[in-house]
């Protein structure tokens, strides 16, 4: 597939810095504010935003990682056990009760109860990952407000979900792919758009 780099490390850093400034401006105060990053890359972006907000305003915000795989609405999933072994094939309904699902301790302890939560992900596409995150949060707590921050919004929503903070809007075709890489996982930072060759 042919590919185009949309953001390099510097432009990605600037996009995150802009989001951090917007969060500070709109929030007005750190009181009750918490960041929740959707694993995997959304979590690392949340950590970076927390660090940048500290640099900008001195706020020390709690940040949490959220794995939404057990809350997705896909019809079927291969679920893996604690040691990574393939456990079984489950429907979406089964996923809510299957014993391999692990709820983060911070969520069980209602760490974001009554807080202003900013949910963070790398790419917003159909909205189904965000819906899964909202289901996870609402199942175990009741935040006062939930806002959404994404590094890239590529369109093609299937659910009525709209981000409050966006690093970059990228119009795409449905069969194209956006790849976000972060230093902590991929040894480099950047965003790429992959197109089918010959189009």
C-alpha atoms as a PDB file:
ATOM      1  CA  UNK A   1       0.000   0.000   0.000  1.00  0.00           C
ATOM      2  CA  UNK A   2       1.159   3.523  -0.749  1.00  0.00           C
ATOM      3  CA  UNK A   3       1.485   5.728   2.295  1.00  0.00           C
ATOM      4  CA  UNK A   4       1.720   9.408   3.202  1.00  0.00           C
ATOM      5  CA  UNK A   5       3.120  10.775   6.440  1.00  0.00           C
ATOM      6  CA  UNK A   6       0.584  13.161   7.954  1.00  0.00           C
ATOM      7  CA  UNK A   7       2.440  14.073  11.150  1.00  0.00           C
ATOM      8  CA  UNK A   8       6.088  13.684  12.052  1.00  0.00           C
ATOM      9  CA  UNK A   9       7.419  13.744  15.605  1.00  0.00           C
ATOM     10  CA  UNK A  10       7.512  17.563  15.768  1.00  0.00           C
ATOM     11  CA  UNK A  11       4.053  18.154  14.319  1.00  0.00           C
ATOM     12  CA  UNK A  12       2.625  15.413  16.527  1.00  0.00           C
ATOM     13  CA  UNK A  13       4.158  17.112  19.568  1.00  0.00           C
ATOM     14  CA  UNK A  14       2.651  20.444  18.501  1.00  0.00           C
ATOM     15  CA  UNK A  15      -0.780  18.873  18.018  1.00  0.00           C
ATOM     16  CA  UNK A  16      -0.682  17.388  21.520  1.00  0.00           C
ATOM     17  CA  UNK A  17       0.549  20.679  22.947  1.00  0.00           C
ATOM     18  CA  UNK A  18      -2.372  22.468  21.316  1.00  0.00           C
ATOM     19  CA  UNK A  19      -4.817  19.975  22.837  1.00  0.00           C
ATOM     20  CA  UNK A  20      -3.181  20.449  26.247  1.00  0.00           C
ATOM     21  CA  UNK A  21      -3.586  24.235  25.989  1.00  0.00           C
ATOM     22  CA  UNK A  22      -7.235  23.843  24.990  1.00  0.00           C
ATOM     23  CA  UNK A  23      -7.893  21.529  27.934  1.00  0.00           C
ATOM     24  CA  UNK A  24      -6.398  24.082  30.319  1.00  0.00           C
ATOM     25  CA  UNK A  25      -8.358  26.965  28.784  1.00  0.00           C
ATOM     26  CA  UNK A  26     -11.707  25.178  28.756  1.00  0.00           C
ATOM     27  CA  UNK A  27     -11.322  23.502  32.138  1.00  0.00           C
ATOM     28  CA  UNK A  28     -10.267  26.586  34.066  1.00  0.00           C
ATOM     29  CA  UNK A  29      -9.236  24.533  37.080  1.00  0.00           C
ATOM     30  CA  UNK A  30      -7.667  21.131  37.780  1.00  0.00           C
ATOM     31  CA  UNK A  31     -10.277  20.380  40.437  1.00  0.00           C
ATOM     32  CA  UNK A  32     -11.935  17.055  39.727  1.00  0.00           C
ATOM     33  CA  UNK A  33     -10.210  16.680  36.355  1.00  0.00           C
ATOM     34  CA  UNK A  34      -8.848  13.283  35.264  1.00  0.00           C
ATOM     35  CA  UNK A  35      -7.424  11.853  32.036  1.00  0.00           C
ATOM     36  CA  UNK A  36      -8.341   8.357  30.829  1.00  0.00           C
ATOM     37  CA  UNK A  37      -6.380   6.941  27.892  1.00  0.00           C
ATOM     38  CA  UNK A  38      -7.695   4.060  25.799  1.00  0.00           C
ATOM     39  CA  UNK A  39      -5.007   1.405  25.593  1.00  0.00           C
ATOM     40  CA  UNK A  40      -2.629   1.115  24.011  1.00  0.00           C
ATOM     41  CA  UNK A  41      -1.596   4.301  22.266  1.00  0.00           C
ATOM     42  CA  UNK A  42      -4.332   6.462  23.745  1.00  0.00           C
ATOM     43  CA  UNK A  43      -2.874   5.721  27.161  1.00  0.00           C
ATOM     44  CA  UNK A  44       0.566   6.978  26.162  1.00  0.00           C
ATOM     45  CA  UNK A  45      -0.992  10.093  24.647  1.00  0.00           C
ATOM     46  CA  UNK A  46      -2.851  10.673  27.929  1.00  0.00           C
ATOM     47  CA  UNK A  47       0.434  10.472  29.829  1.00  0.00           C
ATOM     48  CA  UNK A  48       2.008  12.996  27.481  1.00  0.00           C
ATOM     49  CA  UNK A  49      -0.950  15.351  27.816  1.00  0.00           C
ATOM     50  CA  UNK A  50      -0.775  15.131  31.604  1.00  0.00           C
ATOM     51  CA  UNK A  51       2.932  15.981  31.456  1.00  0.00           C
ATOM     52  CA  UNK A  52       2.374  18.880  29.049  1.00  0.00           C
ATOM     53  CA  UNK A  53      -0.446  20.288  31.181  1.00  0.00           C
ATOM     54  CA  UNK A  54       1.901  20.214  34.171  1.00  0.00           C
ATOM     55  CA  UNK A  55       4.456  22.160  32.125  1.00  0.00           C
ATOM     56  CA  UNK A  56       1.868  24.709  30.996  1.00  0.00           C
ATOM     57  CA  UNK A  57      -0.057  25.325  34.186  1.00  0.00           C
ATOM     58  CA  UNK A  58       1.521  23.267  36.965  1.00  0.00           C
ATOM     59  CA  UNK A  59      -1.551  21.051  37.275  1.00  0.00           C
ATOM     60  CA  UNK A  60      -0.920  17.501  38.495  1.00  0.00           C
ATOM     61  CA  UNK A  61      -3.701  15.486  36.890  1.00  0.00           C
ATOM     62  CA  UNK A  62      -4.372  11.800  37.534  1.00  0.00           C
ATOM     63  CA  UNK A  63      -4.272   9.676  34.401  1.00  0.00           C
ATOM     64  CA  UNK A  64      -5.538   6.140  33.944  1.00  0.00           C
ATOM     65  CA  UNK A  65      -5.278   3.416  31.295  1.00  0.00           C
ATOM     66  CA  UNK A  66      -8.470   1.756  30.059  1.00  0.00           C
ATOM     67  CA  UNK A  67      -8.617  -1.495  28.070  1.00  0.00           C
ATOM     68  CA  UNK A  68     -11.979  -1.568  26.277  1.00  0.00           C
ATOM     69  CA  UNK A  69     -11.621  -4.927  24.494  1.00  0.00           C
ATOM     70  CA  UNK A  70     -14.205  -6.632  26.728  1.00  0.00           C
ATOM     71  CA  UNK A  71     -16.754  -3.895  26.038  1.00  0.00           C
ATOM     72  CA  UNK A  72     -16.616  -3.830  22.248  1.00  0.00           C
ATOM     73  CA  UNK A  73     -19.800  -4.670  20.341  1.00  0.00           C
ATOM     74  CA  UNK A  74     -18.198  -6.866  17.691  1.00  0.00           C
ATOM     75  CA  UNK A  75     -20.170 -10.062  17.180  1.00  0.00           C
ATOM     76  CA  UNK A  76     -17.330 -12.390  18.072  1.00  0.00           C
ATOM     77  CA  UNK A  77     -13.946 -12.236  19.761  1.00  0.00           C
ATOM     78  CA  UNK A  78     -11.039 -14.466  20.517  1.00  0.00           C
ATOM     79  CA  UNK A  79     -10.401 -13.910  24.208  1.00  0.00           C
ATOM     80  CA  UNK A  80      -7.022 -14.637  25.698  1.00  0.00           C
ATOM     81  CA  UNK A  81      -6.194 -15.718  29.210  1.00  0.00           C
ATOM     82  CA  UNK A  82      -3.913 -13.978  31.659  1.00  0.00           C
ATOM     83  CA  UNK A  83      -0.800 -15.571  30.148  1.00  0.00           C
ATOM     84  CA  UNK A  84      -1.791 -14.759  26.579  1.00  0.00           C
ATOM     85  CA  UNK A  85      -3.079 -18.226  25.657  1.00  0.00           C
ATOM     86  CA  UNK A  86      -6.137 -18.465  23.439  1.00  0.00           C
ATOM     87  CA  UNK A  87      -9.056 -19.185  25.756  1.00  0.00           C
ATOM     88  CA  UNK A  88     -12.170 -19.480  23.619  1.00  0.00           C
ATOM     89  CA  UNK A  89     -14.490 -17.779  21.169  1.00  0.00           C
ATOM     90  CA  UNK A  90     -17.069 -15.498  22.756  1.00  0.00           C
ATOM     91  CA  UNK A  91     -19.955 -13.405  21.493  1.00  0.00           C
ATOM     92  CA  UNK A  92     -20.239  -9.776  22.566  1.00  0.00           C
ATOM     93  CA  UNK A  93     -22.824 -10.722  25.197  1.00  0.00           C
ATOM     94  CA  UNK A  94     -20.509 -13.326  26.706  1.00  0.00           C
ATOM     95  CA  UNK A  95     -17.732 -10.784  27.079  1.00  0.00           C
ATOM     96  CA  UNK A  96     -19.506  -8.978  29.874  1.00  0.00           C
ATOM     97  CA  UNK A  97     -19.439 -12.058  32.091  1.00  0.00           C
ATOM     98  CA  UNK A  98     -16.486 -14.123  30.894  1.00  0.00           C
ATOM     99  CA  UNK A  99     -13.954 -14.668  33.627  1.00  0.00           C
ATOM    100  CA  UNK A 100     -10.922 -13.559  31.633  1.00  0.00           C
ATOM    101  CA  UNK A 101     -12.086  -9.962  31.619  1.00  0.00           C
ATOM    102  CA  UNK A 102     -10.021  -7.906  34.047  1.00  0.00           C
ATOM    103  CA  UNK A 103     -11.397  -4.603  35.270  1.00  0.00           C
ATOM    104  CA  UNK A 104      -8.692  -2.076  36.223  1.00  0.00           C
ATOM    105  CA  UNK A 105      -8.404  -1.544  39.958  1.00  0.00           C
ATOM    106  CA  UNK A 106      -8.860   2.215  39.589  1.00  0.00           C
ATOM    107  CA  UNK A 107     -12.191   1.645  37.836  1.00  0.00           C
ATOM    108  CA  UNK A 108     -13.432  -0.831  40.433  1.00  0.00           C
ATOM    109  CA  UNK A 109     -12.502   1.664  43.138  1.00  0.00           C
ATOM    110  CA  UNK A 110     -14.542   4.342  41.352  1.00  0.00           C
ATOM    111  CA  UNK A 111     -11.557   6.656  40.975  1.00  0.00           C
ATOM    112  CA  UNK A 112     -13.369   8.833  38.430  1.00  0.00           C
ATOM    113  CA  UNK A 113     -16.694   8.971  40.270  1.00  0.00           C
ATOM    114  CA  UNK A 114     -18.004  12.539  40.061  1.00  0.00           C
ATOM    115  CA  UNK A 115     -14.912  13.724  38.175  1.00  0.00           C
ATOM    116  CA  UNK A 116     -14.583  15.608  34.905  1.00  0.00           C
ATOM    117  CA  UNK A 117     -13.072  12.949  32.665  1.00  0.00           C
ATOM    118  CA  UNK A 118     -11.244  13.561  29.417  1.00  0.00           C
ATOM    119  CA  UNK A 119     -11.175  10.334  27.416  1.00  0.00           C
ATOM    120  CA  UNK A 120      -8.195  10.113  25.061  1.00  0.00           C
ATOM    121  CA  UNK A 121      -7.580   7.966  21.986  1.00  0.00           C
ATOM    122  CA  UNK A 122      -5.234   8.063  19.024  1.00  0.00           C
ATOM    123  CA  UNK A 123      -7.721   7.780  16.124  1.00  0.00           C
ATOM    124  CA  UNK A 124     -11.467   8.392  15.966  1.00  0.00           C
ATOM    125  CA  UNK A 125     -13.099   6.402  13.168  1.00  0.00           C
ATOM    126  CA  UNK A 126     -16.508   4.710  13.506  1.00  0.00           C
ATOM    127  CA  UNK A 127     -16.877   5.665  17.165  1.00  0.00           C
ATOM    128  CA  UNK A 128     -17.252   2.089  18.368  1.00  0.00           C
ATOM    129  CA  UNK A 129     -14.069   2.072  20.439  1.00  0.00           C
ATOM    130  CA  UNK A 130     -15.200   5.251  22.186  1.00  0.00           C
ATOM    131  CA  UNK A 131     -18.631   3.737  22.773  1.00  0.00           C
ATOM    132  CA  UNK A 132     -16.941   0.748  24.407  1.00  0.00           C
ATOM    133  CA  UNK A 133     -14.954   3.104  26.645  1.00  0.00           C
ATOM    134  CA  UNK A 134     -18.113   4.966  27.645  1.00  0.00           C
ATOM    135  CA  UNK A 135     -19.769   1.645  28.486  1.00  0.00           C
ATOM    136  CA  UNK A 136     -16.804   0.641  30.648  1.00  0.00           C
ATOM    137  CA  UNK A 137     -16.761   3.947  32.509  1.00  0.00           C
ATOM    138  CA  UNK A 138     -20.509   4.064  33.087  1.00  0.00           C
ATOM    139  CA  UNK A 139     -20.674   0.431  34.187  1.00  0.00           C
ATOM    140  CA  UNK A 140     -18.414   1.065  37.171  1.00  0.00           C
ATOM    141  CA  UNK A 141     -18.732   4.780  37.916  1.00  0.00           C
ATOM    142  CA  UNK A 142     -20.635   7.968  37.179  1.00  0.00           C
ATOM    143  CA  UNK A 143     -18.311  10.767  36.068  1.00  0.00           C
ATOM    144  CA  UNK A 144     -19.738  14.286  36.236  1.00  0.00           C
ATOM    145  CA  UNK A 145     -18.708  14.977  32.623  1.00  0.00           C
ATOM    146  CA  UNK A 146     -16.925  12.992  29.932  1.00  0.00           C
ATOM    147  CA  UNK A 147     -15.153  14.792  27.091  1.00  0.00           C
ATOM    148  CA  UNK A 148     -13.251  13.243  24.203  1.00  0.00           C
ATOM    149  CA  UNK A 149      -9.791  14.133  22.896  1.00  0.00           C
ATOM    150  CA  UNK A 150      -8.280  12.429  19.842  1.00  0.00           C
ATOM    151  CA  UNK A 151      -5.044  12.931  17.985  1.00  0.00           C
ATOM    152  CA  UNK A 152      -6.666  12.186  14.598  1.00  0.00           C
ATOM    153  CA  UNK A 153     -10.306  12.349  13.501  1.00  0.00           C
ATOM    154  CA  UNK A 154     -10.685  10.498  10.198  1.00  0.00           C
ATOM    155  CA  UNK A 155     -14.477  10.646   9.863  1.00  0.00           C
ATOM    156  CA  UNK A 156     -16.893   7.857   8.868  1.00  0.00           C
ATOM    157  CA  UNK A 157     -18.769   7.801  12.157  1.00  0.00           C
ATOM    158  CA  UNK A 158     -21.298   5.016  12.716  1.00  0.00           C
ATOM    159  CA  UNK A 159     -22.434   6.384  16.081  1.00  0.00           C
ATOM    160  CA  UNK A 160     -23.339   9.931  17.223  1.00  0.00           C
ATOM    161  CA  UNK A 161     -19.942  10.632  18.793  1.00  0.00           C
ATOM    162  CA  UNK A 162     -18.047  13.886  18.344  1.00  0.00           C
ATOM    163  CA  UNK A 163     -14.661  14.835  19.822  1.00  0.00           C
ATOM    164  CA  UNK A 164     -14.192  17.920  21.991  1.00  0.00           C
ATOM    165  CA  UNK A 165     -10.461  18.180  21.247  1.00  0.00           C
ATOM    166  CA  UNK A 166      -8.814  17.194  17.944  1.00  0.00           C
ATOM    167  CA  UNK A 167      -5.152  17.261  16.967  1.00  0.00           C
ATOM    168  CA  UNK A 168      -5.762  16.848  13.229  1.00  0.00           C
ATOM    169  CA  UNK A 169      -8.816  16.257  11.036  1.00  0.00           C
ATOM    170  CA  UNK A 170      -8.006  13.902   8.158  1.00  0.00           C
ATOM    171  CA  UNK A 171     -10.675  13.178   5.512  1.00  0.00           C
ATOM    172  CA  UNK A 172     -10.264   9.550   4.434  1.00  0.00           C
ATOM    173  CA  UNK A 173     -11.876   6.856   2.339  1.00  0.00           C
ATOM    174  CA  UNK A 174     -13.285   3.952   4.329  1.00  0.00           C
ATOM    175  CA  UNK A 175     -10.781   1.478   2.878  1.00  0.00           C
ATOM    176  CA  UNK A 176      -7.799   3.642   3.782  1.00  0.00           C
ATOM    177  CA  UNK A 177      -5.948   3.139   7.036  1.00  0.00           C
ATOM    178  CA  UNK A 178      -4.498   5.550   9.586  1.00  0.00           C
ATOM    179  CA  UNK A 179      -1.495   4.375  11.574  1.00  0.00           C
ATOM    180  CA  UNK A 180      -0.393   6.248  14.699  1.00  0.00           C
ATOM    181  CA  UNK A 181       2.986   5.367  16.151  1.00  0.00           C
ATOM    182  CA  UNK A 182       4.231   6.433  19.560  1.00  0.00           C
ATOM    183  CA  UNK A 183       7.779   6.282  20.824  1.00  0.00           C
ATOM    184  CA  UNK A 184       6.858   4.221  23.891  1.00  0.00           C
ATOM    185  CA  UNK A 185       5.478   1.356  21.788  1.00  0.00           C
ATOM    186  CA  UNK A 186       6.804   1.757  18.253  1.00  0.00           C
ATOM    187  CA  UNK A 187      10.200   3.423  18.831  1.00  0.00           C
ATOM    188  CA  UNK A 188       9.086   6.450  16.789  1.00  0.00           C
ATOM    189  CA  UNK A 189       6.396   9.126  16.700  1.00  0.00           C
ATOM    190  CA  UNK A 190       4.261   9.874  13.673  1.00  0.00           C
ATOM    191  CA  UNK A 191       0.983   9.452  11.831  1.00  0.00           C
ATOM    192  CA  UNK A 192       0.658   7.814   8.405  1.00  0.00           C
ATOM    193  CA  UNK A 193      -2.180   7.407   5.919  1.00  0.00           C
ATOM    194  CA  UNK A 194      -2.118   4.159   3.930  1.00  0.00           C
ATOM    195  CA  UNK A 195      -3.836   4.026   0.541  1.00  0.00           C
ATOM    196  CA  UNK A 196      -4.328   1.086  -1.793  1.00  0.00           C
ATOM    197  CA  UNK A 197      -1.759   1.203  -4.580  1.00  0.00           C
ATOM    198  CA  UNK A 198      -3.106   2.120  -7.989  1.00  0.00           C
ATOM    199  CA  UNK A 199      -5.991   4.241  -6.714  1.00  0.00           C
END
